Amino acid sequence: MSAPLLLDLSHTCHSRARTGVQRVARSLHTVLGDRAVPITHDPHRQAWRKLEPWEHAMLGSRETSAKRGARWPLAARLRGRVARLAGRAAPALPTDAGLLVPEIFSAEVARALPALFATACGPRVAIFHDAIALQFPELTPPKTVARFPPYLVELLRFDGIAAVSEDSRDALLDYWHWLGVPNTPPVRAIPLGMDTHAPVPNSEISPRPAPPIVLCVASIEGRKNHPALLAACEILWMRGEKFSLHLIGLAQAQTGATALAKIRALQAAGHPLRYDGPVSDAAVEAAYAACTFTVYPSVIEGFGLPVIESLSQGKPCICSARGALGESARGGGCIALATVDAAAIADAIARLLHSPDALSALGAQARARRFKTWSDYAREVTEWICELPRR
């Protein structure tokens, strides 16, 4: 696109967490490069501005954190407050720009959006990830549940919404229809991209580890359904099955407490269970390379990046057949389950442990697939932005 594009990274540029939303935001920042102007709402200055060097450094950091929240150094907070009290206006943003918001923005950012909309005269587009907080409130932190209804109404201000899957698009439109909104912005399903890897030739596939390693890359939180996976593995271990379970993911204290307690109990009982917490992208890639296959037991997702990431490494994945995960499983390489309860997961794991032919066939299907890159995704989104009229 010829006109500049403002890219709102208000949360991501202040956090080292690697949630799915933040991975989308970071990847867009990387692939858009000079075509985008990364911006943030500075709550201390109470103004929109371009990123400062320390925020760019945060975006490019390879470190990870167990905390999801935004962190502002004391010097940055003081600098913003002094500028606000002194009446110093932030440097002007491009006025001919469009706007792309890849994050689930906070109430504070929402209150500041009208000022940003007054600046950006091009189309304004938000990326919509999911409505899980409303669909499964019992699996979601209470603050997130309370925030979501106003957030979904605030999305009506935009000129277009890029949903990350068909399922997410339908959930948003259904909610607006339930509200009785007569004139909604267009919502287009544009599935996410990923960091792709060249398919591994059969001749270069590493020998399968003995005992097999089952990998799960997912944040430890309610909707990810780790208790069912852990119960499935306990059933199989009690039967004498020989395999190890490797878990990677940031823990959510409220909704992940049950899973964390079960992890500790299984480890104390001597079962072969490893939990690494949040790790770097390089460590995740190494874990995919080392595993035999993966399980993504999540009940519901807006997209489910770990499924296609597993497949891109040629590793079969056990996941749900429903919603967005079913969309990712369509192209092959997955055992897609009608229900992701302990019994179904245990049966699927046992099938792959005992059937080398089934494991090899699914691996071949995975290696035959081609996946969209982040550059592909950015191109689709920006081309659509260029087509949109201002509402």
Protein backbone atom coordinates (compact mmCIF):
# COMPACT_ATOMS: atom_id res chain seq x y z
CA MET A 1 0.00 0.00 0.00
CA SER A 2 1.30 3.48 -0.88
CA ALA A 3 -0.06 5.42 2.12
CA PRO A 4 1.51 4.67 5.50
CA LEU A 5 -0.19 2.28 7.90
CA LEU A 6 -0.32 2.96 11.61
CA LEU A 7 0.21 -0.27 13.56
CA ASP A 8 -1.05 -0.13 17.14
CA LEU A 9 1.24 -2.14 19.43
CA SER A 10 0.21 -0.54 22.71
CA HIS A 11 0.44 -3.75 24.72
CA THR A 12 2.91 -5.88 22.79
CA CYS A 13 5.71 -3.31 22.82
CA HIS A 14 5.57 -3.32 26.64
CA SER A 15 5.59 -7.07 27.29
CA ARG A 16 7.89 -10.04 26.72
CA ALA A 17 5.05 -12.56 26.88
CA ARG A 18 4.48 -14.72 23.81
CA THR A 19 0.71 -15.16 23.73
CA GLY A 20 -0.96 -15.90 20.40
CA VAL A 21 -2.17 -12.32 20.03
CA GLN A 22 1.28 -10.94 20.75
CA ARG A 23 2.87 -13.32 18.26
CA VAL A 24 0.51 -11.98 15.60
CA ALA A 25 1.36 -8.38 16.53
CA ARG A 26 5.12 -9.01 16.58
CA SER A 27 5.05 -10.90 13.30
CA LEU A 28 3.13 -8.11 11.55
CA HIS A 29 5.60 -5.57 12.88
CA THR A 30 8.47 -7.64 11.48
CA VAL A 31 7.10 -8.35 8.02
CA LEU A 32 5.52 -4.93 7.39
CA GLY A 33 8.82 -3.19 8.11
CA ASP A 34 8.94 0.34 6.71
CA ARG A 35 5.40 0.04 5.33
CA ALA A 36 4.03 0.48 8.87
CA VAL A 37 4.46 3.13 11.53
CA PRO A 38 4.33 1.34 14.90
CA ILE A 39 2.52 3.40 17.52
CA THR A 40 1.37 3.15 21.12
CA HIS A 41 -1.02 4.92 23.40
CA ASP A 42 1.12 6.37 26.19
CA PRO A 43 -1.09 6.41 29.32
CA HIS A 44 1.41 8.59 31.17
CA ARG A 45 1.54 11.21 28.44
CA GLN A 46 -2.13 10.56 27.61
CA ALA A 47 -1.35 10.71 23.91
CA TRP A 48 -0.69 8.54 20.86
CA ARG A 49 2.90 8.53 19.68
CA LYS A 50 5.49 6.59 17.70
CA LEU A 51 7.49 3.99 19.58
CA GLU A 52 10.62 4.96 21.46
CA PRO A 53 13.90 2.97 21.11
CA TRP A 54 13.27 0.94 24.28
CA GLU A 55 9.88 -0.16 22.93
CA HIS A 56 11.43 -1.22 19.62
CA ALA A 57 13.96 -3.20 21.64
CA MET A 58 11.13 -4.89 23.56
CA LEU A 59 9.51 -5.96 20.27
CA GLY A 60 12.75 -7.45 19.03
CA SER A 61 13.71 -9.15 22.30
CA ARG A 62 14.10 -12.93 22.24
CA GLU A 63 13.53 -13.13 25.98
CA THR A 64 10.22 -14.41 27.27
CA SER A 65 8.32 -13.74 30.46
CA ALA A 66 5.87 -15.52 32.72
CA LYS A 67 3.88 -12.28 33.08
CA ARG A 68 1.37 -11.14 30.46
CA GLY A 69 0.97 -7.58 31.70
CA ALA A 70 2.57 -4.47 30.24
CA ARG A 71 5.64 -3.09 31.99
CA TRP A 72 6.80 0.52 31.80
CA PRO A 73 10.23 1.50 33.15
CA LEU A 74 10.15 4.29 35.73
CA ALA A 75 12.08 6.62 33.42
CA ALA A 76 9.48 6.18 30.65
CA ARG A 77 6.63 6.83 33.06
CA LEU A 78 8.25 9.98 34.38
CA ARG A 79 9.13 11.19 30.88
CA GLY A 80 5.52 10.86 29.79
CA ARG A 81 4.12 12.61 32.84
CA VAL A 82 6.57 15.49 32.59
CA ALA A 83 5.72 15.97 28.91
CA ARG A 84 2.00 15.96 29.72
CA LEU A 85 2.30 18.41 32.61
CA ALA A 86 4.52 20.69 30.53
CA GLY A 87 1.93 20.68 27.74
CA ARG A 88 4.37 19.28 25.18
CA ALA A 89 2.47 17.69 22.32
CA ALA A 90 3.71 14.37 20.98
CA PRO A 91 5.20 14.50 17.46
CA ALA A 92 2.41 14.35 14.89
CA LEU A 93 1.50 11.03 13.31
CA PRO A 94 0.96 10.78 9.53
CA THR A 95 -2.50 12.12 8.69
CA ASP A 96 -2.91 10.20 5.41
CA ALA A 97 -2.45 6.84 7.12
CA GLY A 98 -4.69 3.85 7.57
CA LEU A 99 -4.81 2.01 10.89
CA LEU A 100 -4.36 -1.65 11.82
CA VAL A 101 -5.02 -2.81 15.40
CA PRO A 102 -3.87 -6.43 15.89
CA GLU A 103 -4.35 -6.50 19.68
CA ILE A 104 -7.35 -6.97 21.93
CA PHE A 105 -7.23 -3.41 23.15
CA SER A 106 -7.91 -2.32 26.71
CA ALA A 107 -10.68 -0.01 27.91
CA GLU A 108 -8.10 2.75 28.31
CA VAL A 109 -6.94 2.38 24.72
CA ALA A 110 -10.58 2.26 23.58
CA ARG A 111 -11.23 5.65 25.20
CA ALA A 112 -8.28 7.06 23.26
CA LEU A 113 -9.32 5.63 19.88
CA PRO A 114 -11.48 8.61 18.80
CA ALA A 115 -8.41 10.86 18.96
CA LEU A 116 -6.48 8.37 16.83
CA PHE A 117 -9.35 8.02 14.37
CA ALA A 118 -9.38 11.79 13.97
CA THR A 119 -5.73 11.59 12.88
CA ALA A 120 -5.81 8.54 10.60
CA CYS A 121 -7.88 9.42 7.57
CA GLY A 122 -7.41 6.04 5.86
CA PRO A 123 -9.39 2.87 6.56
CA ARG A 124 -9.28 1.62 10.14
CA VAL A 125 -9.16 -2.18 10.61
CA ALA A 126 -9.01 -4.33 13.75
CA ILE A 127 -7.97 -7.98 13.86
CA PHE A 128 -10.54 -10.10 15.70
CA HIS A 129 -9.19 -13.18 17.43
CA ASP A 130 -12.11 -14.84 19.21
CA ALA A 131 -15.19 -14.44 21.41
CA ILE A 132 -14.18 -17.18 23.84
CA ALA A 133 -14.66 -14.95 26.88
CA LEU A 134 -18.39 -14.88 26.11
CA GLN A 135 -18.71 -18.43 24.79
CA PHE A 136 -16.88 -20.02 27.74
CA PRO A 137 -16.91 -17.52 30.60
CA GLU A 138 -16.29 -20.30 33.13
CA LEU A 139 -12.90 -20.95 31.48
CA THR A 140 -11.90 -17.28 31.28
CA PRO A 141 -10.54 -14.85 33.91
CA PRO A 142 -13.41 -12.71 35.30
CA LYS A 143 -11.79 -9.42 34.27
CA THR A 144 -11.59 -10.61 30.67
CA VAL A 145 -15.22 -11.73 30.75
CA ALA A 146 -16.31 -8.31 32.04
CA ARG A 147 -14.24 -6.49 29.41
CA PHE A 148 -15.50 -8.38 26.35
CA PRO A 149 -19.05 -7.06 25.78
CA PRO A 150 -17.89 -3.42 25.56
CA TYR A 151 -14.89 -4.49 23.47
CA LEU A 152 -17.13 -6.17 20.89
CA VAL A 153 -19.28 -3.03 20.71
CA GLU A 154 -16.18 -0.83 20.32
CA LEU A 155 -15.19 -2.87 17.26
CA LEU A 156 -18.23 -1.36 15.50
CA ARG A 157 -16.27 1.91 15.18
CA PHE A 158 -13.85 0.35 12.68
CA ASP A 159 -14.19 0.31 8.90
CA GLY A 160 -13.48 -3.42 8.72
CA ILE A 161 -12.69 -6.41 10.90
CA ALA A 162 -10.18 -9.08 9.85
CA ALA A 163 -11.19 -12.25 11.71
CA VAL A 164 -8.48 -14.89 12.11
CA SER A 165 -10.79 -17.77 11.12
CA GLU A 166 -14.23 -18.49 9.72
CA ASP A 167 -15.35 -19.56 13.20
CA SER A 168 -14.24 -16.25 14.75
CA ARG A 169 -15.96 -14.28 11.99
CA ASP A 170 -19.22 -16.13 12.59
CA ALA A 171 -19.00 -15.65 16.36
CA LEU A 172 -18.58 -11.89 16.02
CA LEU A 173 -21.38 -11.49 13.47
CA ASP A 174 -23.68 -13.66 15.58
CA TYR A 175 -23.05 -11.49 18.61
CA TRP A 176 -23.73 -8.26 16.71
CA HIS A 177 -26.89 -9.82 15.25
CA TRP A 178 -28.01 -10.77 18.78
CA LEU A 179 -27.45 -7.15 19.83
CA GLY A 180 -29.64 -6.01 16.93
CA VAL A 181 -26.95 -3.85 15.32
CA PRO A 182 -28.35 -2.79 11.92
CA ASN A 183 -25.19 -1.60 10.18
CA THR A 184 -22.03 -3.52 11.00
CA PRO A 185 -18.60 -3.09 9.41
CA PRO A 186 -17.58 -5.80 6.94
CA VAL A 187 -15.93 -8.82 8.57
CA ARG A 188 -13.59 -10.94 6.46
CA ALA A 189 -12.01 -14.23 7.57
CA ILE A 190 -8.28 -14.00 6.85
CA PRO A 191 -6.52 -17.00 8.43
CA LEU A 192 -3.20 -16.30 10.12
CA GLY A 193 0.25 -17.01 8.75
CA MET A 194 3.20 -18.56 10.51
CA ASP A 195 6.96 -18.88 10.54
CA THR A 196 7.26 -21.62 7.96
CA HIS A 197 9.87 -24.32 7.65
CA ALA A 198 10.81 -26.26 4.55
CA PRO A 199 9.17 -29.70 4.65
CA VAL A 200 11.64 -32.29 5.94
CA PRO A 201 12.44 -34.91 3.27
CA ASN A 202 11.74 -38.50 4.32
CA SER A 203 15.45 -39.29 4.05
CA GLU A 204 16.29 -36.61 6.64
CA ILE A 205 13.67 -37.44 9.27
CA SER A 206 15.37 -38.02 12.62
CA PRO A 207 14.90 -41.42 14.27
CA ARG A 208 11.89 -41.45 16.56
CA PRO A 209 12.86 -40.96 20.20
CA ALA A 210 12.56 -43.95 22.52
CA PRO A 211 10.45 -43.72 24.51
CA PRO A 212 8.25 -41.47 22.33
CA ILE A 213 7.84 -37.82 23.30
CA VAL A 214 4.35 -36.33 23.20
CA LEU A 215 4.50 -32.52 23.06
CA CYS A 216 1.87 -29.94 23.98
CA VAL A 217 2.58 -26.26 23.31
CA ALA A 218 -0.22 -24.24 24.89
CA SER A 219 -0.67 -21.73 27.67
CA ILE A 220 -1.85 -23.37 30.89
CA GLU A 221 -5.35 -21.94 31.20
CA GLY A 222 -8.91 -23.18 31.44
CA ARG A 223 -9.91 -23.45 27.82
CA LYS A 224 -6.71 -25.24 26.81
CA ASN A 225 -8.07 -28.31 28.60
CA HIS A 226 -4.81 -29.59 30.11
CA PRO A 227 -6.64 -31.56 32.85
CA ALA A 228 -8.12 -33.83 30.15
CA LEU A 229 -4.70 -34.34 28.55
CA LEU A 230 -3.09 -35.06 31.92
CA ALA A 231 -5.85 -37.51 32.85
CA ALA A 232 -5.42 -39.25 29.47
CA CYS A 233 -1.69 -39.62 29.99
CA GLU A 234 -2.18 -40.91 33.54
CA ILE A 235 -4.57 -43.57 32.21
CA LEU A 236 -1.96 -44.67 29.66
CA TRP A 237 0.94 -44.63 32.13
CA MET A 238 -1.08 -46.77 34.54
CA ARG A 239 -1.58 -49.24 31.70
CA GLY A 240 2.18 -49.45 31.31
CA GLU A 241 2.52 -47.33 28.15
CA LYS A 242 6.04 -46.00 27.64
CA PHE A 243 6.16 -42.36 26.57
CA SER A 244 6.97 -38.96 28.05
CA LEU A 245 4.84 -35.82 28.04
CA HIS A 246 6.49 -32.45 27.41
CA LEU A 247 4.48 -29.30 28.21
CA ILE A 248 5.43 -25.77 27.17
CA GLY A 249 3.36 -22.68 27.90
CA LEU A 250 2.71 -19.65 30.07
CA ALA A 251 0.50 -20.40 33.08
CA GLN A 252 -2.61 -18.36 33.88
CA ALA A 253 -2.90 -18.39 37.66
CA GLN A 254 -6.70 -18.27 37.90
CA THR A 255 -7.94 -20.68 35.25
CA GLY A 256 -4.80 -22.84 35.09
CA ALA A 257 -4.58 -23.70 38.80
CA THR A 258 -6.20 -27.14 38.45
CA ALA A 259 -3.82 -28.16 35.65
CA LEU A 260 -0.76 -26.88 37.52
CA ALA A 261 -1.72 -28.87 40.62
CA LYS A 262 -2.19 -32.02 38.52
CA ILE A 263 1.19 -31.49 36.84
CA ARG A 264 2.89 -31.34 40.23
CA ALA A 265 1.03 -34.42 41.45
CA LEU A 266 1.99 -36.50 38.41
CA GLN A 267 5.61 -35.41 38.67
CA ALA A 268 5.66 -36.28 42.38
CA ALA A 269 4.30 -39.73 41.50
CA GLY A 270 7.30 -40.27 39.25
CA HIS A 271 5.59 -40.09 35.87
CA PRO A 272 7.69 -38.90 32.89
CA LEU A 273 6.26 -35.39 32.68
CA ARG A 274 8.28 -32.27 31.90
CA TYR A 275 6.85 -28.76 32.18
CA ASP A 276 9.07 -25.91 30.99
CA GLY A 277 6.72 -22.94 31.34
CA PRO A 278 7.18 -20.13 28.79
CA VAL A 279 10.28 -20.55 26.64
CA SER A 280 11.94 -18.86 23.67
CA ASP A 281 10.85 -19.42 20.07
CA ALA A 282 14.09 -21.36 19.49
CA ALA A 283 13.29 -23.70 22.38
CA VAL A 284 9.78 -24.28 21.01
CA GLU A 285 11.20 -25.12 17.59
CA ALA A 286 13.67 -27.54 19.16
CA ALA A 287 10.85 -29.21 21.09
CA TYR A 288 8.85 -29.72 17.90
CA ALA A 289 11.89 -31.24 16.23
CA ALA A 290 12.47 -33.65 19.13
CA CYS A 291 8.90 -34.87 19.66
CA THR A 292 7.13 -37.85 18.11
CA PHE A 293 3.78 -36.08 17.73
CA THR A 294 1.81 -33.32 19.45
CA VAL A 295 -1.49 -32.93 21.27
CA TYR A 296 -3.40 -29.65 21.36
CA PRO A 297 -6.31 -30.43 23.69
CA SER A 298 -7.94 -26.99 23.61
CA VAL A 299 -11.73 -26.88 23.79
CA ILE A 300 -12.01 -23.77 21.61
CA GLU A 301 -9.65 -21.44 19.72
CA GLY A 302 -9.83 -18.39 17.55
CA PHE A 303 -7.19 -19.97 15.33
CA GLY A 304 -4.76 -22.34 17.10
CA LEU A 305 -1.25 -21.57 15.84
CA PRO A 306 0.38 -24.61 17.54
CA VAL A 307 -1.58 -26.98 15.31
CA ILE A 308 -0.19 -25.66 12.05
CA GLU A 309 3.22 -25.10 13.60
CA SER A 310 3.35 -28.79 14.51
CA LEU A 311 2.25 -29.81 11.03
CA SER A 312 4.80 -27.52 9.40
CA GLN A 313 7.50 -29.52 11.21
CA GLY A 314 6.02 -32.73 9.86
CA LYS A 315 4.68 -33.74 13.27
CA PRO A 316 1.10 -35.08 13.44
CA CYS A 317 -1.26 -33.34 15.87
CA ILE A 318 -4.20 -34.59 17.93
CA CYS A 319 -6.75 -31.79 18.28
CA SER A 320 -10.45 -30.93 18.26
CA ALA A 321 -12.45 -31.27 15.06
CA ARG A 322 -14.64 -28.33 16.06
CA GLY A 323 -14.48 -24.65 15.14
CA ALA A 324 -11.24 -23.02 14.09
CA LEU A 325 -9.19 -26.09 15.03
CA GLY A 326 -11.27 -28.14 12.63
CA GLU A 327 -10.47 -25.57 9.93
CA SER A 328 -6.73 -26.10 10.54
CA ALA A 329 -7.11 -29.88 10.56
CA ARG A 330 -8.91 -30.04 7.20
CA GLY A 331 -5.75 -30.32 5.10
CA GLY A 332 -4.50 -33.50 6.77
CA GLY A 333 -1.88 -34.50 9.31
CA CYS A 334 -4.24 -34.46 12.30
CA ILE A 335 -6.36 -36.83 14.33
CA ALA A 336 -9.36 -34.54 14.75
CA LEU A 337 -11.55 -35.54 17.70
CA ALA A 338 -15.29 -34.99 18.03
CA THR A 339 -14.75 -34.52 21.77
CA VAL A 340 -11.52 -33.67 23.58
CA ASP A 341 -12.19 -35.55 26.79
CA ALA A 342 -9.66 -37.78 28.55
CA ALA A 343 -10.92 -41.02 27.01
CA ALA A 344 -10.82 -39.69 23.43
CA ILE A 345 -7.37 -38.17 23.89
CA ALA A 346 -6.03 -41.38 25.46
CA ASP A 347 -7.36 -43.47 22.58
CA ALA A 348 -5.75 -41.16 20.01
CA ILE A 349 -2.38 -41.13 21.79
CA ALA A 350 -2.45 -44.92 22.09
CA ARG A 351 -3.25 -45.24 18.40
CA LEU A 352 -0.17 -43.26 17.41
CA LEU A 353 2.02 -45.03 19.97
CA HIS A 354 1.04 -48.48 18.64
CA SER A 355 0.61 -47.81 14.92
CA PRO A 356 3.81 -46.71 13.18
CA ASP A 357 1.95 -46.84 9.87
CA ALA A 358 -0.71 -44.38 11.06
CA LEU A 359 1.97 -42.09 12.48
CA SER A 360 3.95 -42.18 9.24
CA ALA A 361 0.85 -41.56 7.10
CA LEU A 362 -0.14 -38.51 9.14
CA GLY A 363 3.44 -37.24 9.05
CA ALA A 364 3.46 -37.56 5.25
CA GLN A 365 0.18 -35.62 5.05
CA ALA A 366 1.64 -32.88 7.25
CA ARG A 367 4.81 -32.59 5.17
CA ALA A 368 2.73 -32.38 1.98
CA ARG A 369 0.85 -29.32 3.20
CA ARG A 370 1.86 -25.75 2.39
CA PHE A 371 1.27 -23.02 4.89
CA LYS A 372 0.74 -19.30 4.62
CA THR A 373 3.65 -17.16 5.80
CA TRP A 374 3.33 -14.01 7.88
CA SER A 375 4.26 -12.05 4.75
CA ASP A 376 1.37 -13.70 2.91
CA TYR A 377 -0.95 -12.81 5.77
CA ALA A 378 0.22 -9.19 5.91
CA ARG A 379 -0.27 -8.85 2.17
CA GLU A 380 -3.84 -10.16 2.35
CA VAL A 381 -4.73 -7.85 5.22
CA THR A 382 -3.16 -4.71 3.72
CA GLU A 383 -4.67 -5.35 0.27
CA TRP A 384 -8.08 -5.60 1.91
CA ILE A 385 -7.47 -2.41 3.86
CA CYS A 386 -6.78 -0.61 0.58
CA GLU A 387 -10.16 -1.77 -0.77
CA LEU A 388 -12.20 -0.58 2.20
CA PRO A 389 -14.13 2.70 2.16
CA ARG A 390 -14.37 4.82 5.27
CA ARG A 391 -17.66 4.23 7.04
